[in-house]
Structures are given as structure tokens and as C-alpha cells.
N, C-alpha and C. Protein backbone atom coordinates (compact mmCIF):
# COMPACT_ATOMS: atom_id res chain seq x y z
N MET A 1 237.68 -71.88 67.77
CA MET A 1 236.67 -70.90 68.08
C MET A 1 235.31 -71.54 67.91
N SER A 2 234.33 -71.11 68.68
CA SER A 2 233.00 -71.67 68.62
C SER A 2 232.24 -71.17 67.41
N ALA A 3 231.15 -71.86 67.10
CA ALA A 3 230.32 -71.47 65.96
C ALA A 3 229.32 -70.41 66.42
N VAL A 4 229.76 -69.18 66.49
CA VAL A 4 228.91 -68.09 66.90
C VAL A 4 228.68 -67.18 65.72
N GLU A 5 227.55 -66.46 65.74
CA GLU A 5 227.13 -65.70 64.57
C GLU A 5 227.69 -64.30 64.49
N THR A 6 228.00 -63.68 65.61
CA THR A 6 228.33 -62.26 65.60
C THR A 6 229.81 -61.98 65.79
N THR A 7 230.68 -62.94 65.52
CA THR A 7 232.11 -62.75 65.72
C THR A 7 232.64 -61.61 64.86
N ARG A 8 233.36 -60.70 65.49
CA ARG A 8 234.00 -59.60 64.77
C ARG A 8 235.28 -59.22 65.50
N SER A 9 236.12 -58.46 64.85
CA SER A 9 237.40 -58.01 65.41
C SER A 9 238.23 -59.19 65.90
N PHE A 10 238.29 -60.23 65.10
CA PHE A 10 239.04 -61.44 65.46
C PHE A 10 240.53 -61.18 65.32
N ILE A 11 241.29 -61.52 66.37
CA ILE A 11 242.75 -61.39 66.34
C ILE A 11 243.35 -62.74 66.69
N ASP A 12 244.21 -63.23 65.82
CA ASP A 12 244.91 -64.49 66.03
C ASP A 12 246.35 -64.15 66.43
N TYR A 13 246.79 -64.67 67.56
CA TYR A 13 248.11 -64.35 68.09
C TYR A 13 249.15 -65.42 67.75
N SER A 14 248.92 -66.19 66.70
CA SER A 14 249.83 -67.29 66.37
C SER A 14 251.21 -66.81 65.93
N LEU A 15 251.30 -65.65 65.28
CA LEU A 15 252.63 -65.14 64.88
C LEU A 15 253.46 -64.77 66.11
N ALA A 16 252.84 -64.15 67.09
CA ALA A 16 253.55 -63.82 68.33
C ALA A 16 253.98 -65.11 69.05
N ARG A 17 253.10 -66.10 69.02
CA ARG A 17 253.41 -67.41 69.63
C ARG A 17 254.62 -68.03 68.96
N ARG A 18 254.61 -68.01 67.62
CA ARG A 18 255.74 -68.59 66.87
C ARG A 18 257.04 -67.85 67.17
N ALA A 19 256.97 -66.53 67.31
CA ALA A 19 258.18 -65.74 67.62
C ALA A 19 258.73 -66.10 69.00
N ILE A 20 257.85 -66.28 69.97
CA ILE A 20 258.29 -66.65 71.31
C ILE A 20 258.91 -68.04 71.31
N LEU A 21 258.28 -68.96 70.61
CA LEU A 21 258.84 -70.32 70.55
C LEU A 21 260.15 -70.35 69.78
N ALA A 22 260.27 -69.53 68.74
CA ALA A 22 261.54 -69.45 68.00
C ALA A 22 262.64 -68.89 68.89
N ALA A 23 262.30 -67.91 69.71
CA ALA A 23 263.29 -67.35 70.64
C ALA A 23 263.71 -68.40 71.67
N LEU A 24 262.74 -69.18 72.14
CA LEU A 24 263.05 -70.23 73.12
C LEU A 24 263.97 -71.28 72.51
N PHE A 25 263.58 -71.81 71.36
CA PHE A 25 264.36 -72.88 70.74
C PHE A 25 265.64 -72.38 70.08
N GLY A 26 265.73 -71.06 69.86
CA GLY A 26 266.95 -70.46 69.31
C GLY A 26 267.92 -70.01 70.39
N GLY A 27 267.57 -70.21 71.66
CA GLY A 27 268.47 -69.87 72.75
C GLY A 27 268.39 -68.42 73.21
N ARG A 28 267.48 -67.63 72.68
CA ARG A 28 267.35 -66.23 73.08
C ARG A 28 266.41 -66.04 74.26
N ALA A 29 265.74 -67.10 74.67
CA ALA A 29 264.85 -67.07 75.84
C ALA A 29 264.99 -68.41 76.55
N THR A 30 264.63 -68.42 77.82
CA THR A 30 264.70 -69.66 78.59
C THR A 30 263.29 -70.15 78.90
N THR A 31 263.19 -71.39 79.35
CA THR A 31 261.87 -71.91 79.72
C THR A 31 261.29 -71.13 80.90
N THR A 32 262.15 -70.60 81.75
CA THR A 32 261.68 -69.77 82.86
C THR A 32 261.00 -68.50 82.33
N ASP A 33 261.48 -67.99 81.20
CA ASP A 33 260.89 -66.79 80.61
C ASP A 33 259.50 -67.06 80.02
N VAL A 34 259.32 -68.23 79.41
CA VAL A 34 258.07 -68.49 78.68
C VAL A 34 257.09 -69.38 79.44
N CYS A 35 257.55 -70.12 80.41
CA CYS A 35 256.66 -71.00 81.19
C CYS A 35 256.42 -70.37 82.55
N ASP A 36 255.68 -69.28 82.54
CA ASP A 36 255.52 -68.47 83.74
C ASP A 36 254.06 -68.25 84.11
N ALA A 37 253.24 -69.27 83.93
CA ALA A 37 251.81 -69.13 84.23
C ALA A 37 251.59 -68.79 85.70
N HIS A 38 250.72 -67.84 85.93
CA HIS A 38 250.35 -67.44 87.29
C HIS A 38 249.60 -68.60 87.95
N PRO A 39 249.77 -68.79 89.24
CA PRO A 39 249.05 -69.88 89.92
C PRO A 39 247.53 -69.83 89.73
N TYR A 40 246.95 -68.63 89.65
CA TYR A 40 245.50 -68.52 89.43
C TYR A 40 245.12 -69.02 88.03
N LEU A 41 245.98 -68.76 87.04
CA LEU A 41 245.71 -69.24 85.69
C LEU A 41 245.81 -70.76 85.64
N LEU A 42 246.80 -71.32 86.32
CA LEU A 42 246.92 -72.79 86.37
C LEU A 42 245.71 -73.42 87.06
N ARG A 43 245.24 -72.78 88.12
CA ARG A 43 244.05 -73.29 88.82
C ARG A 43 242.81 -73.17 87.93
N ALA A 44 242.70 -72.06 87.22
CA ALA A 44 241.57 -71.88 86.30
C ALA A 44 241.59 -72.94 85.20
N ALA A 45 242.78 -73.24 84.70
CA ALA A 45 242.91 -74.28 83.66
C ALA A 45 242.51 -75.64 84.21
N LYS A 46 242.89 -75.91 85.43
CA LYS A 46 242.59 -77.21 86.03
C LYS A 46 241.10 -77.41 86.25
N TYR A 47 240.42 -76.40 86.76
CA TYR A 47 239.02 -76.56 87.15
C TYR A 47 238.01 -76.06 86.12
N HIS A 48 238.40 -75.11 85.27
CA HIS A 48 237.44 -74.51 84.35
C HIS A 48 237.86 -74.58 82.89
N GLY A 49 239.06 -75.05 82.62
CA GLY A 49 239.58 -75.06 81.26
C GLY A 49 238.96 -76.16 80.41
N GLU A 50 239.16 -76.01 79.12
CA GLU A 50 238.67 -76.99 78.15
C GLU A 50 239.87 -77.67 77.51
N PRO A 51 240.00 -78.98 77.72
CA PRO A 51 241.17 -79.69 77.17
C PRO A 51 241.16 -79.70 75.64
N THR A 52 242.35 -79.70 75.08
CA THR A 52 242.51 -79.79 73.63
C THR A 52 243.30 -81.04 73.30
N THR A 53 243.47 -81.30 72.03
CA THR A 53 244.28 -82.43 71.59
C THR A 53 245.70 -81.99 71.23
N GLU A 54 245.94 -80.68 71.25
CA GLU A 54 247.24 -80.13 70.88
C GLU A 54 248.23 -80.27 72.04
N GLN A 55 249.38 -80.84 71.78
CA GLN A 55 250.41 -81.02 72.81
C GLN A 55 251.10 -79.68 73.09
N CYS A 56 251.61 -79.56 74.29
CA CYS A 56 252.36 -78.36 74.68
C CYS A 56 253.58 -78.23 73.78
N PRO A 57 253.82 -77.04 73.21
CA PRO A 57 254.97 -76.87 72.32
C PRO A 57 256.31 -76.83 73.06
N VAL A 58 256.28 -76.68 74.38
CA VAL A 58 257.52 -76.57 75.15
C VAL A 58 257.92 -77.92 75.75
N CYS A 59 257.06 -78.48 76.60
CA CYS A 59 257.43 -79.74 77.27
C CYS A 59 257.01 -80.97 76.47
N ARG A 60 256.03 -80.83 75.61
CA ARG A 60 255.51 -81.92 74.77
C ARG A 60 255.07 -83.14 75.59
N LYS A 61 254.65 -82.89 76.84
CA LYS A 61 254.24 -84.00 77.71
C LYS A 61 252.73 -84.04 77.91
N GLU A 62 252.08 -82.90 77.87
CA GLU A 62 250.65 -82.84 78.17
C GLU A 62 249.92 -82.04 77.10
N PRO A 63 248.64 -82.33 76.91
CA PRO A 63 247.86 -81.49 75.99
C PRO A 63 247.57 -80.13 76.62
N LEU A 64 247.41 -79.14 75.76
CA LEU A 64 247.11 -77.79 76.23
C LEU A 64 245.66 -77.71 76.69
N THR A 65 245.39 -76.76 77.55
CA THR A 65 244.05 -76.47 78.02
C THR A 65 243.72 -75.03 77.64
N HIS A 66 242.52 -74.81 77.12
CA HIS A 66 242.09 -73.45 76.79
C HIS A 66 241.24 -72.89 77.92
N VAL A 67 241.56 -71.68 78.32
CA VAL A 67 240.79 -70.95 79.32
C VAL A 67 240.21 -69.73 78.61
N THR A 68 238.89 -69.57 78.66
CA THR A 68 238.20 -68.51 77.93
C THR A 68 237.66 -67.48 78.91
N TYR A 69 238.16 -66.25 78.78
CA TYR A 69 237.72 -65.14 79.64
C TYR A 69 236.83 -64.21 78.83
N THR A 70 235.85 -63.60 79.49
CA THR A 70 234.98 -62.62 78.85
C THR A 70 235.06 -61.30 79.60
N TYR A 71 235.20 -60.21 78.85
CA TYR A 71 235.29 -58.87 79.42
C TYR A 71 234.39 -57.93 78.63
N GLY A 72 233.84 -56.95 79.31
CA GLY A 72 233.06 -55.93 78.64
C GLY A 72 232.21 -55.14 79.61
N ASP A 73 231.98 -53.87 79.29
CA ASP A 73 231.15 -53.02 80.14
C ASP A 73 229.74 -53.57 80.27
N ALA A 74 229.22 -54.16 79.20
CA ALA A 74 227.85 -54.68 79.22
C ALA A 74 227.70 -55.87 80.17
N LEU A 75 228.81 -56.49 80.55
CA LEU A 75 228.74 -57.62 81.48
C LEU A 75 228.67 -57.18 82.93
N GLY A 76 228.97 -55.92 83.17
CA GLY A 76 228.90 -55.41 84.54
C GLY A 76 229.81 -56.17 85.48
N GLN A 77 229.24 -56.62 86.60
CA GLN A 77 230.03 -57.32 87.61
C GLN A 77 230.51 -58.69 87.14
N TYR A 78 230.00 -59.17 86.02
CA TYR A 78 230.40 -60.47 85.51
C TYR A 78 231.55 -60.39 84.51
N SER A 79 232.07 -59.18 84.29
CA SER A 79 233.21 -59.00 83.41
C SER A 79 234.44 -59.65 84.04
N GLY A 80 235.23 -60.33 83.23
CA GLY A 80 236.44 -60.98 83.72
C GLY A 80 236.22 -62.41 84.15
N ARG A 81 235.05 -62.94 83.90
CA ARG A 81 234.74 -64.32 84.31
C ARG A 81 235.17 -65.31 83.23
N ILE A 82 235.42 -66.53 83.68
CA ILE A 82 235.75 -67.62 82.78
C ILE A 82 234.44 -68.23 82.31
N LYS A 83 234.35 -68.49 81.01
CA LYS A 83 233.15 -69.08 80.43
C LYS A 83 233.55 -70.29 79.58
N ALA A 84 232.67 -71.27 79.54
CA ALA A 84 232.85 -72.40 78.64
C ALA A 84 232.47 -71.95 77.22
N THR A 85 233.10 -72.53 76.23
CA THR A 85 232.83 -72.15 74.85
C THR A 85 231.35 -72.29 74.52
N ARG A 86 230.70 -73.31 75.05
CA ARG A 86 229.28 -73.53 74.75
C ARG A 86 228.39 -72.40 75.27
N GLU A 87 228.84 -71.67 76.29
CA GLU A 87 228.06 -70.57 76.84
C GLU A 87 228.11 -69.32 75.97
N LEU A 88 229.11 -69.19 75.12
CA LEU A 88 229.29 -67.98 74.32
C LEU A 88 228.16 -67.78 73.31
N ALA A 89 227.66 -68.87 72.74
CA ALA A 89 226.59 -68.76 71.74
C ALA A 89 225.34 -68.14 72.34
N GLN A 90 225.02 -68.48 73.56
CA GLN A 90 223.85 -67.88 74.21
C GLN A 90 224.15 -66.45 74.63
N MET A 91 225.34 -66.21 75.15
CA MET A 91 225.70 -64.87 75.60
C MET A 91 225.68 -63.85 74.47
N GLU A 92 226.04 -64.27 73.27
CA GLU A 92 226.11 -63.31 72.17
C GLU A 92 224.75 -62.72 71.82
N HIS A 93 223.66 -63.41 72.19
CA HIS A 93 222.32 -62.90 71.93
C HIS A 93 221.74 -62.16 73.13
N GLU A 94 222.41 -62.25 74.26
CA GLU A 94 221.90 -61.61 75.49
C GLU A 94 222.66 -60.35 75.85
N VAL A 95 223.90 -60.24 75.39
CA VAL A 95 224.77 -59.12 75.79
C VAL A 95 225.09 -58.30 74.55
N SER A 96 225.04 -56.97 74.69
CA SER A 96 225.25 -56.12 73.52
C SER A 96 226.65 -56.27 72.92
N GLU A 97 227.69 -56.28 73.76
CA GLU A 97 229.04 -56.43 73.23
C GLU A 97 229.98 -56.83 74.35
N PHE A 98 230.83 -57.80 74.07
CA PHE A 98 231.85 -58.22 75.02
C PHE A 98 233.00 -58.83 74.25
N THR A 99 234.17 -58.83 74.87
CA THR A 99 235.38 -59.36 74.24
C THR A 99 235.72 -60.69 74.88
N VAL A 100 236.12 -61.62 74.04
CA VAL A 100 236.50 -62.97 74.47
C VAL A 100 238.00 -63.13 74.27
N TYR A 101 238.67 -63.63 75.29
CA TYR A 101 240.10 -63.92 75.22
C TYR A 101 240.29 -65.40 75.50
N VAL A 102 240.99 -66.10 74.61
CA VAL A 102 241.26 -67.52 74.80
C VAL A 102 242.76 -67.67 75.06
N VAL A 103 243.08 -68.24 76.22
CA VAL A 103 244.47 -68.43 76.63
C VAL A 103 244.76 -69.92 76.63
N GLU A 104 245.88 -70.32 76.01
CA GLU A 104 246.29 -71.72 76.07
C GLU A 104 247.27 -71.89 77.23
N VAL A 105 247.09 -72.98 77.97
CA VAL A 105 247.88 -73.21 79.18
C VAL A 105 248.34 -74.66 79.22
N CYS A 106 249.59 -74.87 79.58
CA CYS A 106 250.08 -76.22 79.87
C CYS A 106 250.14 -76.35 81.38
N GLN A 107 249.39 -77.30 81.90
CA GLN A 107 249.35 -77.49 83.35
C GLN A 107 250.60 -78.19 83.87
N ASN A 108 251.41 -78.73 82.97
CA ASN A 108 252.64 -79.42 83.38
C ASN A 108 253.80 -78.44 83.55
N CYS A 109 254.10 -77.66 82.51
CA CYS A 109 255.30 -76.80 82.56
C CYS A 109 254.98 -75.33 82.81
N GLY A 110 253.73 -74.92 82.66
CA GLY A 110 253.37 -73.53 82.90
C GLY A 110 253.38 -72.65 81.66
N TRP A 111 253.56 -73.24 80.47
CA TRP A 111 253.47 -72.45 79.24
C TRP A 111 252.08 -71.84 79.17
N ASN A 112 252.01 -70.58 78.79
CA ASN A 112 250.72 -69.93 78.58
C ASN A 112 250.89 -68.84 77.54
N HIS A 113 249.87 -68.71 76.72
CA HIS A 113 249.93 -67.71 75.67
C HIS A 113 248.53 -67.35 75.24
N LEU A 114 248.31 -66.07 74.99
CA LEU A 114 247.03 -65.62 74.45
C LEU A 114 246.90 -66.15 73.04
N ARG A 115 245.90 -66.97 72.81
CA ARG A 115 245.74 -67.63 71.51
C ARG A 115 244.94 -66.77 70.53
N GLU A 116 243.82 -66.21 71.00
CA GLU A 116 242.98 -65.40 70.13
C GLU A 116 242.08 -64.52 70.97
N SER A 117 241.57 -63.47 70.34
CA SER A 117 240.57 -62.63 70.98
C SER A 117 239.59 -62.20 69.90
N TYR A 118 238.36 -61.96 70.31
CA TYR A 118 237.33 -61.52 69.38
C TYR A 118 236.19 -60.89 70.15
N VAL A 119 235.37 -60.17 69.43
CA VAL A 119 234.24 -59.47 70.03
C VAL A 119 232.97 -60.21 69.63
N LEU A 120 232.07 -60.36 70.60
CA LEU A 120 230.76 -60.96 70.36
C LEU A 120 229.69 -60.03 70.89
N GLY A 121 228.45 -60.33 70.58
CA GLY A 121 227.31 -59.57 71.07
C GLY A 121 226.45 -59.14 69.91
N TYR A 122 225.25 -58.69 70.24
CA TYR A 122 224.32 -58.32 69.17
C TYR A 122 224.54 -56.92 68.66
N GLY A 123 225.54 -56.22 69.15
CA GLY A 123 225.99 -54.99 68.51
C GLY A 123 225.53 -53.69 69.10
N GLY A 124 225.18 -53.63 70.34
CA GLY A 124 224.80 -52.36 70.96
C GLY A 124 223.36 -52.38 71.40
N ALA A 125 222.91 -51.23 71.89
CA ALA A 125 221.54 -51.14 72.40
C ALA A 125 220.55 -51.47 71.31
N GLY A 126 220.77 -50.92 70.12
CA GLY A 126 219.93 -51.24 68.97
C GLY A 126 218.47 -50.91 69.19
N SER A 127 217.70 -51.16 68.17
CA SER A 127 216.27 -50.91 68.26
C SER A 127 215.57 -52.11 68.87
N GLY A 128 214.32 -51.93 69.19
CA GLY A 128 213.53 -53.04 69.72
C GLY A 128 213.46 -54.17 68.72
N VAL A 129 213.43 -53.84 67.42
CA VAL A 129 213.38 -54.86 66.38
C VAL A 129 214.65 -55.70 66.41
N GLN A 130 215.81 -55.05 66.54
CA GLN A 130 217.08 -55.78 66.58
C GLN A 130 217.14 -56.69 67.80
N ARG A 131 216.69 -56.20 68.96
CA ARG A 131 216.70 -57.03 70.16
C ARG A 131 215.74 -58.21 70.01
N ALA A 132 214.59 -57.97 69.39
CA ALA A 132 213.63 -59.06 69.16
C ALA A 132 214.21 -60.09 68.21
N GLN A 133 214.94 -59.63 67.19
CA GLN A 133 215.57 -60.57 66.26
C GLN A 133 216.65 -61.38 66.97
N ALA A 134 217.41 -60.74 67.84
CA ALA A 134 218.44 -61.46 68.59
C ALA A 134 217.80 -62.50 69.50
N ARG A 135 216.67 -62.14 70.15
CA ARG A 135 215.97 -63.10 71.00
C ARG A 135 215.42 -64.25 70.18
N ALA A 136 214.88 -63.94 69.00
CA ALA A 136 214.34 -64.99 68.13
C ALA A 136 215.44 -65.95 67.71
N ALA A 137 216.62 -65.40 67.41
CA ALA A 137 217.75 -66.25 67.02
C ALA A 137 218.21 -67.10 68.19
N ALA A 138 217.95 -66.63 69.42
CA ALA A 138 218.35 -67.37 70.62
C ALA A 138 217.28 -68.37 71.04
N GLY A 139 216.30 -68.59 70.21
CA GLY A 139 215.27 -69.57 70.53
C GLY A 139 213.96 -68.94 70.94
N GLY A 140 213.81 -67.64 70.76
CA GLY A 140 212.56 -66.97 71.01
C GLY A 140 212.28 -66.65 72.47
N ARG A 141 213.18 -66.96 73.34
CA ARG A 141 212.92 -66.69 74.75
C ARG A 141 213.81 -65.55 75.23
N ARG A 142 213.31 -64.85 76.21
CA ARG A 142 214.08 -63.78 76.83
C ARG A 142 214.55 -64.29 78.17
N VAL A 143 215.84 -64.24 78.40
CA VAL A 143 216.39 -64.70 79.66
C VAL A 143 216.31 -63.56 80.67
N THR A 144 215.69 -63.82 81.80
CA THR A 144 215.58 -62.83 82.86
C THR A 144 216.69 -63.10 83.86
N HIS A 145 217.55 -62.14 84.04
CA HIS A 145 218.66 -62.29 84.97
C HIS A 145 218.19 -62.06 86.39
N SER A 146 218.93 -62.56 87.36
CA SER A 146 218.53 -62.47 88.76
C SER A 146 218.34 -61.03 89.20
N ARG A 147 219.14 -60.12 88.68
CA ARG A 147 219.01 -58.71 89.05
C ARG A 147 217.66 -58.17 88.58
N GLU A 148 217.24 -58.53 87.35
CA GLU A 148 215.95 -58.09 86.83
C GLU A 148 214.80 -58.69 87.64
N ARG A 149 214.94 -59.95 88.03
CA ARG A 149 213.90 -60.58 88.83
C ARG A 149 213.76 -59.89 90.18
N ALA A 150 214.89 -59.54 90.79
CA ALA A 150 214.87 -58.87 92.09
C ALA A 150 214.22 -57.49 91.98
N LEU A 151 214.46 -56.78 90.89
CA LEU A 151 213.90 -55.45 90.72
C LEU A 151 212.40 -55.51 90.45
N SER A 152 211.93 -56.57 89.82
CA SER A 152 210.51 -56.66 89.49
C SER A 152 209.66 -57.13 90.67
N GLU A 153 210.27 -57.66 91.70
CA GLU A 153 209.51 -58.15 92.87
C GLU A 153 209.17 -57.06 93.84
């Protein structure tokens, strides 16, 4: 997980991951059951994912790739987009609240599993003081989005 300041509602899915792998290696599930990544997820991992040093627990041939999705009403039309981990630190000061989902993917065998989820953001509409503090923490600048620029012209 990135070094962000407003992380809350953190959920680690490692116990579910261990149960699935135990079922696979115990003969109660097949590789077809657990290595079922959707083609869009595999493409997202290839072009937008962040490589890790952790080997795939199923095929043990390739390192896993993390794909980070962001969802939330405050994101509007940008909800459901893939973001790089480095972008989350800036987003947490610009967006009131959004949920981050990190999915691990093996591009070789198709293993995929939700690794963790958490909520980021400065915590709601808040007062002007809270928004000013969030902007100050983000380097003192206010980012003007293209929609705001279009409305002001």
C-alpha cells in the first residue's frame, strides 16, 4: 500500500486468498477455477499494472502484477479507472472520498485475486478550513480540473 495519510476502512483479503490456494492445492478446486482472469483484466495488468517481486502462487513462473482501481461518487465519470499508486497521494487531497481496490494478477496463468481495499480522501465536503488544510498538505496548490476550467471560460 502507498504512503497516504487518510487511509481508512482497510480490508486485507489474504485469508480468503489462503483459503482459495488451500482448496487448489488440496484438490478441492482446479486451476481452471482459480486462474480465470477476464481478458480486460489481463490487458489492464499488461499496460497499466505495477509489477511486484512476488511470484505467482499458482504457476510460480512469473511475478504478480498489481492493478489498482478507484471507485466513488466523488470521482464522477472517472469512477472505475485504473490509477498508479503514485497518483493516489495526490488524489486523496483532491477528492472527498473514494475506494481503492488492488487486484493481483498473473499474466502467465490468469490467477487473480482482490488483495486489499481501502478508502481515501479528505473526508467529505468539510469546511473551507478543512479543504484549505488538505490543499496545504498537497503542496499549497489547488488543482483545477478541465471541467472547472471549461465552466469558468
